[in-house]
């Protein structure tokens, strides 16, 4: 069976080329053709030796994911639905800005974390994506957008691992994908511009710090263990104090000097001034682990029937943000994009096999735990944004 070269970081591709009797510089050439130029046809890789092209044709492929649909929003947002087999699909969203282009990438088909406000968790977990399936989302988006715009310049400047799934529960596939994104022979992205968002898998936060530190976002959503236990069941295994301690440790190696805490605003659940003040205490000098350098990203909730939850009114969100900002914490309110194609925060739709019942699989709205594809979008009026 042919090997998909999208599954390899540069070291993996070097080892594969070595098995073919080829030297490292050939792997670098091949890596550049695949990721920098988006080429899948070995015969078009003109500076590869003809003998190597022949070996590759018999043993390898560069295989992207089948595209089930593509939608473009009036605001320039683009959403792709990719087929990952067995009736499962994942979505990827590109959000253009004047000074950046952000791609929201999925890491799993479904999610096993089961957060109360997350439709993905209600649908159940199907499987982890492979490294190649994670990278195929970037590979397709980057090179299709280049062709569409008629440019050879990089279009995707930021990647956020914030689509379907918990990235740190697919660690073995995630890290090689991150290394390709960061590699100067690959996509050459800055560590500051690649963000992994997690619901709080503490041991893997520590591993990511050691193996491949990129920007970190944490889906917090509550200021107390009692409330977070209800909203984010993973908290029962890794409570808030342990999570904050892991965030402090992560900052020792992180490319940014702060952690982003994502906070989904739920009416009469977690959106009161008392909760905002408790958040300030939690991350301040008198919190359980001392001060945690951070910013808060407040996310308007997109309701779905099974959640039993509703969105906080806009005035309540602004009041909550004001308490945090007045307390000296950088706070933004998520501005959604791509609403007309259901690509705004919490509107990603992915078809996964429902593991919780015998119902036929459905395509339903997905409210990802860390539905934070828009972390880098402008803040709304009344909030502040750290200058980058």
Protein backbone atom coordinates (compact mmCIF):
# COMPACT_ATOMS: atom_id res chain seq x y z
CA UNK A 1 0.00 0.00 0.00
CA UNK A 2 1.34 3.41 -0.96
CA UNK A 3 2.50 5.70 1.84
CA UNK A 4 0.87 9.13 2.09
CA UNK A 5 3.71 11.62 2.40
CA UNK A 6 1.44 14.12 4.17
CA UNK A 7 1.75 11.85 7.20
CA UNK A 8 5.44 12.76 7.68
CA UNK A 9 7.20 15.67 9.29
CA UNK A 10 10.66 16.36 7.84
CA UNK A 11 12.40 13.82 10.06
CA UNK A 12 9.84 11.19 9.12
CA UNK A 13 10.21 11.98 5.44
CA UNK A 14 14.00 11.81 5.80
CA UNK A 15 13.69 8.33 7.30
CA UNK A 16 11.38 7.27 4.47
CA UNK A 17 13.80 8.58 1.84
CA UNK A 18 16.64 6.79 3.62
CA UNK A 19 14.67 3.55 3.25
CA UNK A 20 14.69 4.24 -0.49
CA UNK A 21 18.45 4.74 -0.46
CA UNK A 22 18.15 8.53 -0.80
CA UNK A 23 19.99 11.24 1.13
CA UNK A 24 18.47 13.88 3.41
CA UNK A 25 18.73 16.70 0.87
CA UNK A 26 16.32 14.75 -1.36
CA UNK A 27 13.83 14.63 1.51
CA UNK A 28 14.15 18.41 1.92
CA UNK A 29 13.52 18.91 -1.80
CA UNK A 30 10.49 16.64 -1.68
CA UNK A 31 9.17 18.30 1.50
CA UNK A 32 9.37 21.72 -0.15
CA UNK A 33 7.55 20.53 -3.27
CA UNK A 34 4.72 19.12 -1.18
CA UNK A 35 4.22 21.89 1.38
CA UNK A 36 5.68 25.06 -0.12
CA UNK A 37 4.45 24.46 -3.66
CA UNK A 38 1.46 22.21 -3.04
CA UNK A 39 2.55 19.67 -5.66
CA UNK A 40 1.17 16.14 -5.59
CA UNK A 41 2.49 14.86 -8.93
CA UNK A 42 6.02 13.48 -8.57
CA UNK A 43 6.67 13.93 -12.29
CA UNK A 44 6.22 17.67 -11.91
CA UNK A 45 8.86 17.84 -9.16
CA UNK A 46 11.46 18.84 -11.71
CA UNK A 47 14.62 18.96 -9.58
CA UNK A 48 14.16 15.46 -8.17
CA UNK A 49 16.29 12.78 -9.77
CA UNK A 50 14.31 10.73 -12.27
CA UNK A 51 15.26 7.53 -10.42
CA UNK A 52 13.77 8.94 -7.19
CA UNK A 53 10.59 9.99 -8.99
CA UNK A 54 10.26 6.44 -10.21
CA UNK A 55 10.68 5.01 -6.71
CA UNK A 56 8.11 7.45 -5.31
CA UNK A 57 5.59 6.64 -8.02
CA UNK A 58 5.62 3.03 -6.96
CA UNK A 59 5.57 3.46 -3.19
CA UNK A 60 4.13 6.84 -2.21
CA UNK A 61 1.36 9.36 -2.83
CA UNK A 62 0.54 12.89 -1.77
CA UNK A 63 -3.13 12.40 -0.95
CA UNK A 64 -5.36 15.18 0.32
CA UNK A 65 -8.88 14.78 1.70
CA UNK A 66 -11.95 14.62 -0.57
CA UNK A 67 -13.90 17.88 -0.44
CA UNK A 68 -17.59 17.32 0.16
CA UNK A 69 -18.48 21.00 0.00
CA UNK A 70 -17.03 24.49 -0.04
CA UNK A 71 -18.85 27.67 0.91
CA UNK A 72 -17.69 31.27 0.71
CA UNK A 73 -19.16 34.00 2.90
CA UNK A 74 -19.87 37.56 1.85
CA UNK A 75 -17.17 38.65 4.32
CA UNK A 76 -14.51 36.44 2.67
CA UNK A 77 -14.68 33.54 5.12
CA UNK A 78 -14.37 30.15 3.42
CA UNK A 79 -15.58 26.84 4.88
CA UNK A 80 -14.66 23.37 3.61
CA UNK A 81 -16.29 20.08 4.58
CA UNK A 82 -13.78 17.22 4.21
CA UNK A 83 -14.62 13.52 4.00
CA UNK A 84 -12.55 11.45 6.43
CA UNK A 85 -14.27 8.14 5.68
CA UNK A 86 -16.82 5.83 7.29
CA UNK A 87 -19.51 8.48 7.09
CA UNK A 88 -17.46 11.04 9.04
CA UNK A 89 -16.55 14.54 7.98
CA UNK A 90 -14.70 17.51 9.50
CA UNK A 91 -14.81 21.18 8.71
CA UNK A 92 -12.07 23.72 8.22
CA UNK A 93 -12.60 27.48 8.13
CA UNK A 94 -10.41 30.26 6.69
CA UNK A 95 -10.91 33.76 8.13
CA UNK A 96 -9.21 36.59 6.21
CA UNK A 97 -8.16 39.85 7.83
CA UNK A 98 -6.24 42.84 6.49
CA UNK A 99 -3.01 41.74 8.19
CA UNK A 100 -3.45 37.96 8.52
CA UNK A 101 -5.28 34.88 7.33
CA UNK A 102 -6.38 32.43 10.03
CA UNK A 103 -7.22 28.77 9.42
CA UNK A 104 -9.26 26.81 11.97
CA UNK A 105 -8.27 23.13 11.80
CA UNK A 106 -9.94 20.01 13.22
CA UNK A 107 -8.01 17.27 15.02
CA UNK A 108 -10.69 14.59 15.57
CA UNK A 109 -13.91 13.36 14.00
CA UNK A 110 -16.20 14.05 16.93
CA UNK A 111 -15.05 14.61 20.50
CA UNK A 112 -14.97 12.50 23.65
CA UNK A 113 -14.72 15.33 26.20
CA UNK A 114 -18.50 15.81 26.40
CA UNK A 115 -18.79 19.44 27.44
CA UNK A 116 -22.35 20.41 28.23
CA UNK A 117 -22.47 23.32 25.75
CA UNK A 118 -20.74 21.40 22.95
CA UNK A 119 -22.82 19.72 20.27
CA UNK A 120 -19.80 17.74 19.08
CA UNK A 121 -19.64 16.04 22.46
CA UNK A 122 -23.35 15.24 22.30
CA UNK A 123 -22.81 13.51 18.96
CA UNK A 124 -19.98 11.37 20.29
CA UNK A 125 -16.47 10.44 19.24
CA UNK A 126 -15.59 8.59 16.04
CA UNK A 127 -11.81 8.63 15.78
CA UNK A 128 -8.60 10.62 15.82
CA UNK A 129 -7.42 12.17 12.60
CA UNK A 130 -4.02 11.14 11.28
CA UNK A 131 -1.17 13.61 10.90
CA UNK A 132 -1.83 13.58 7.18
CA UNK A 133 -5.53 14.36 7.68
CA UNK A 134 -4.69 17.29 9.95
CA UNK A 135 -2.13 18.65 7.51
CA UNK A 136 -4.36 17.98 4.49
CA UNK A 137 -6.70 20.71 5.73
CA UNK A 138 -3.89 23.28 5.68
CA UNK A 139 -2.36 21.89 2.48
CA UNK A 140 -5.65 22.16 0.60
CA UNK A 141 -6.63 25.57 1.96
CA UNK A 142 -3.24 27.22 1.47
CA UNK A 143 -2.69 26.12 -2.10
CA UNK A 144 -6.25 26.44 -3.30
CA UNK A 145 -6.41 29.98 -1.95
CA UNK A 146 -3.09 30.82 -3.60
CA UNK A 147 -4.41 29.60 -6.95
CA UNK A 148 -7.65 31.50 -6.49
CA UNK A 149 -5.86 34.73 -5.57
CA UNK A 150 -3.20 34.29 -8.25
CA UNK A 151 -0.31 34.55 -5.80
CA UNK A 152 2.71 32.53 -4.77
CA UNK A 153 2.82 34.31 -1.40
CA UNK A 154 1.64 32.64 1.79
CA UNK A 155 -2.08 33.13 2.44
CA UNK A 156 -2.52 31.32 5.77
CA UNK A 157 -0.44 33.16 8.38
CA UNK A 158 -2.15 31.76 11.51
CA UNK A 159 -3.34 28.25 12.34
CA UNK A 160 -5.62 27.56 15.28
CA UNK A 161 -6.26 23.97 16.38
CA UNK A 162 -9.78 24.84 17.45
CA UNK A 163 -12.13 22.93 15.16
CA UNK A 164 -13.70 19.59 16.00
CA UNK A 165 -12.00 17.52 18.66
CA UNK A 166 -9.62 17.87 21.61
CA UNK A 167 -6.15 18.27 20.06
CA UNK A 168 -4.26 17.03 23.11
CA UNK A 169 -6.19 13.75 23.08
CA UNK A 170 -4.68 13.16 19.62
CA UNK A 171 -1.17 14.08 20.66
CA UNK A 172 0.78 11.55 18.56
CA UNK A 173 -0.71 12.91 15.33
CA UNK A 174 -0.82 16.55 16.45
CA UNK A 175 2.85 17.16 17.19
CA UNK A 176 4.25 16.04 13.80
CA UNK A 177 1.58 18.20 12.13
CA UNK A 178 2.63 21.21 14.22
CA UNK A 179 6.27 20.60 13.29
CA UNK A 180 5.42 20.71 9.59
CA UNK A 181 3.52 23.97 10.10
CA UNK A 182 6.54 25.49 11.86
CA UNK A 183 9.28 24.05 9.62
CA UNK A 184 10.98 26.62 7.38
CA UNK A 185 10.99 24.00 4.62
CA UNK A 186 7.24 23.52 5.17
CA UNK A 187 4.84 26.37 5.94
CA UNK A 188 7.29 28.43 8.00
CA UNK A 189 4.71 29.68 10.49
CA UNK A 190 5.76 31.47 13.67
CA UNK A 191 5.20 29.63 16.96
CA UNK A 192 3.28 32.72 18.07
CA UNK A 193 0.88 32.22 15.16
CA UNK A 194 0.08 28.56 15.74
CA UNK A 195 -2.35 28.01 18.61
CA UNK A 196 -3.43 24.78 20.27
CA UNK A 197 -6.64 25.02 22.28
CA UNK A 198 -7.42 22.48 24.97
CA UNK A 199 -10.20 21.79 27.44
CA UNK A 200 -7.49 21.05 30.01
CA UNK A 201 -5.58 17.78 29.49
CA UNK A 202 -2.94 18.67 32.07
CA UNK A 203 -0.27 15.99 31.40
CA UNK A 204 -0.33 16.74 27.68
CA UNK A 205 0.03 20.48 28.27
CA UNK A 206 3.30 19.65 30.00
CA UNK A 207 4.36 17.38 27.13
CA UNK A 208 3.53 20.04 24.54
CA UNK A 209 5.67 22.53 26.47
CA UNK A 210 8.63 20.14 26.20
CA UNK A 211 8.02 18.83 22.68
CA UNK A 212 6.62 21.68 20.59
CA UNK A 213 5.62 24.84 22.47
CA UNK A 214 3.22 27.00 20.47
CA UNK A 215 0.60 29.51 21.62
CA UNK A 216 -1.80 28.00 24.16
CA UNK A 217 -5.53 28.61 24.59
CA UNK A 218 -7.53 26.95 27.37
CA UNK A 219 -11.30 26.45 27.40
CA UNK A 220 -12.05 27.58 30.95
CA UNK A 221 -15.75 28.56 30.96
CA UNK A 222 -16.15 28.64 34.76
CA UNK A 223 -14.40 30.17 37.80
CA UNK A 224 -15.10 27.33 40.25
CA UNK A 225 -14.59 23.58 40.21
CA UNK A 226 -18.25 22.93 41.06
CA UNK A 227 -19.48 24.82 37.98
CA UNK A 228 -16.70 23.62 35.69
CA UNK A 229 -17.34 20.00 36.72
CA UNK A 230 -20.84 20.47 35.30
CA UNK A 231 -19.83 22.32 32.13
CA UNK A 232 -16.50 20.60 31.33
CA UNK A 233 -16.49 17.04 32.75
CA UNK A 234 -12.73 16.74 32.23
CA UNK A 235 -12.41 19.12 35.19
CA UNK A 236 -13.28 16.23 37.51
CA UNK A 237 -9.97 14.64 36.52
CA UNK A 238 -7.90 17.82 36.19
CA UNK A 239 -9.41 20.53 38.45
CA UNK A 240 -8.83 24.23 37.99
CA UNK A 241 -5.84 24.57 40.34
CA UNK A 242 -3.98 21.79 38.50
CA UNK A 243 -4.88 23.35 35.16
CA UNK A 244 -3.65 26.80 36.18
CA UNK A 245 -0.40 25.32 37.49
CA UNK A 246 0.12 23.61 34.11
CA UNK A 247 -0.49 26.95 32.38
CA UNK A 248 2.17 28.60 34.53
CA UNK A 249 4.64 25.84 33.71
CA UNK A 250 3.80 26.13 30.01
CA UNK A 251 4.65 29.84 29.96
CA UNK A 252 8.27 28.99 30.78
CA UNK A 253 8.66 27.76 27.18
CA UNK A 254 5.74 29.44 25.39
CA UNK A 255 6.28 31.83 22.47
CA UNK A 256 3.81 34.26 24.05
CA UNK A 257 3.96 35.66 27.57
CA UNK A 258 0.31 34.88 28.30
CA UNK A 259 -2.27 32.11 28.03
CA UNK A 260 -5.63 32.78 26.38
CA UNK A 261 -8.61 31.63 28.43
CA UNK A 262 -11.74 31.02 26.37
CA UNK A 263 -15.02 31.60 28.17
CA UNK A 264 -18.39 30.74 26.60
CA UNK A 265 -21.02 33.14 27.93
CA UNK A 266 -24.06 31.23 29.22
CA UNK A 267 -27.10 33.13 30.47
CA UNK A 268 -27.58 32.91 34.25
CA UNK A 269 -24.95 30.14 34.46
CA UNK A 270 -21.47 31.68 34.38
CA UNK A 271 -22.03 35.30 33.33
CA UNK A 272 -22.62 37.26 36.54
CA UNK A 273 -20.41 39.96 37.99
CA UNK A 274 -19.67 37.59 40.87
CA UNK A 275 -18.25 35.03 38.42
CA UNK A 276 -16.15 37.74 36.76
CA UNK A 277 -14.73 38.82 40.11
CA UNK A 278 -13.97 35.19 40.97
CA UNK A 279 -12.08 34.84 37.68
CA UNK A 280 -9.97 37.86 38.64
CA UNK A 281 -9.19 36.21 41.98
CA UNK A 282 -8.46 32.91 40.27
CA UNK A 283 -5.74 34.29 37.97
CA UNK A 284 -4.49 36.99 40.35
CA UNK A 285 -1.81 37.09 43.00
CA UNK A 286 -4.09 35.47 45.57
CA UNK A 287 -5.32 32.67 43.31
CA UNK A 288 -4.57 28.98 43.96
CA UNK A 289 -1.24 29.11 42.09
CA UNK A 290 -0.55 32.84 42.16
CA UNK A 291 -0.79 35.19 39.20
CA UNK A 292 -1.26 33.60 35.79
CA UNK A 293 -0.46 35.99 32.90
CA UNK A 294 -3.48 35.72 30.63
CA UNK A 295 -6.12 37.28 28.45
CA UNK A 296 -9.79 36.34 28.35
CA UNK A 297 -11.71 35.73 25.15
CA UNK A 298 -15.47 35.85 25.78
CA UNK A 299 -17.47 33.74 23.30
CA UNK A 300 -21.16 34.34 22.56
CA UNK A 301 -22.89 30.95 22.85
CA UNK A 302 -24.74 29.55 19.82
CA UNK A 303 -27.54 27.47 21.38
CA UNK A 304 -28.62 23.96 20.38
CA UNK A 305 -31.64 22.15 21.84
CA UNK A 306 -29.87 19.36 23.74
CA UNK A 307 -27.78 21.79 25.78
CA UNK A 308 -30.57 23.35 27.80
CA UNK A 309 -28.53 26.56 27.74
CA UNK A 310 -29.08 30.03 26.29
CA UNK A 311 -26.82 32.87 25.19
CA UNK A 312 -25.99 35.70 27.58
CA UNK A 313 -27.52 39.03 26.47
CA UNK A 314 -25.06 41.36 24.80
CA UNK A 315 -25.32 43.91 27.62
CA UNK A 316 -24.46 41.21 30.18
CA UNK A 317 -21.43 40.14 28.13
CA UNK A 318 -20.19 43.73 27.96
CA UNK A 319 -20.71 44.19 31.71
CA UNK A 320 -18.80 40.97 32.40
CA UNK A 321 -15.98 42.12 30.11
CA UNK A 322 -15.86 45.47 31.89
CA UNK A 323 -15.33 43.80 35.29
CA UNK A 324 -12.39 41.82 33.91
CA UNK A 325 -10.89 44.79 32.05
CA UNK A 326 -11.26 47.08 35.04
CA UNK A 327 -9.48 44.39 37.06
CA UNK A 328 -6.48 44.69 34.77
CA UNK A 329 -6.99 41.60 32.60
CA UNK A 330 -6.91 41.96 28.82
CA UNK A 331 -10.38 40.95 27.64
CA UNK A 332 -11.96 40.59 24.21
CA UNK A 333 -15.44 39.65 23.06
CA UNK A 334 -15.44 37.31 20.10
CA UNK A 335 -16.60 38.91 16.88
CA UNK A 336 -18.00 36.19 14.67
CA UNK A 337 -17.39 35.81 10.96
CA UNK A 338 -19.01 33.75 8.22
CA UNK A 339 -22.47 33.79 9.79
CA UNK A 340 -24.16 33.44 6.39
CA UNK A 341 -22.43 30.09 5.78
CA UNK A 342 -22.68 28.82 9.37
CA UNK A 343 -18.94 29.30 9.84
CA UNK A 344 -19.15 31.60 12.83
CA UNK A 345 -17.98 30.49 16.25
CA UNK A 346 -20.09 27.56 17.37
CA UNK A 347 -21.67 27.08 13.97
CA UNK A 348 -19.25 24.57 12.48
CA UNK A 349 -21.12 21.47 11.32
CA UNK A 350 -19.50 18.07 11.16
CA UNK A 351 -21.02 14.73 10.35
CA UNK A 352 -19.89 12.14 12.87
CA UNK A 353 -21.22 8.76 13.84
CA UNK A 354 -23.28 9.07 17.00
CA UNK A 355 -21.72 6.76 19.58
CA UNK A 356 -24.33 7.54 22.22
CA UNK A 357 -27.35 5.90 20.58
CA UNK A 358 -28.43 3.69 17.72
CA UNK A 359 -29.78 6.62 15.71
CA UNK A 360 -28.65 7.02 12.15
CA UNK A 361 -25.84 9.56 11.88
CA UNK A 362 -27.01 13.15 11.48
CA UNK A 363 -25.42 16.38 10.41
CA UNK A 364 -26.03 18.80 13.24
CA UNK A 365 -24.61 22.16 14.37
CA UNK A 366 -21.33 21.80 16.20
CA UNK A 367 -20.43 24.03 19.11
CA UNK A 368 -16.78 23.07 19.66
CA UNK A 369 -15.43 23.24 23.21
CA UNK A 370 -12.79 25.58 21.94
CA UNK A 371 -14.72 26.98 18.96
CA UNK A 372 -12.10 29.64 18.72
CA UNK A 373 -11.28 29.97 15.08
CA UNK A 374 -11.67 33.70 15.53
CA UNK A 375 -9.22 34.30 18.38
CA UNK A 376 -7.36 36.86 16.30
CA UNK A 377 -10.39 38.78 15.06
CA UNK A 378 -10.97 42.37 16.25
CA UNK A 379 -12.59 42.91 19.61
CA UNK A 380 -15.98 44.55 19.83
CA UNK A 381 -16.42 48.03 21.26
CA UNK A 382 -15.84 48.27 24.99
CA UNK A 383 -13.10 45.64 25.11
CA UNK A 384 -9.36 45.83 24.80
CA UNK A 385 -6.94 43.88 22.66
CA UNK A 386 -3.27 43.38 23.40
CA UNK A 387 -1.07 44.92 20.73
CA UNK A 388 0.87 42.29 18.86
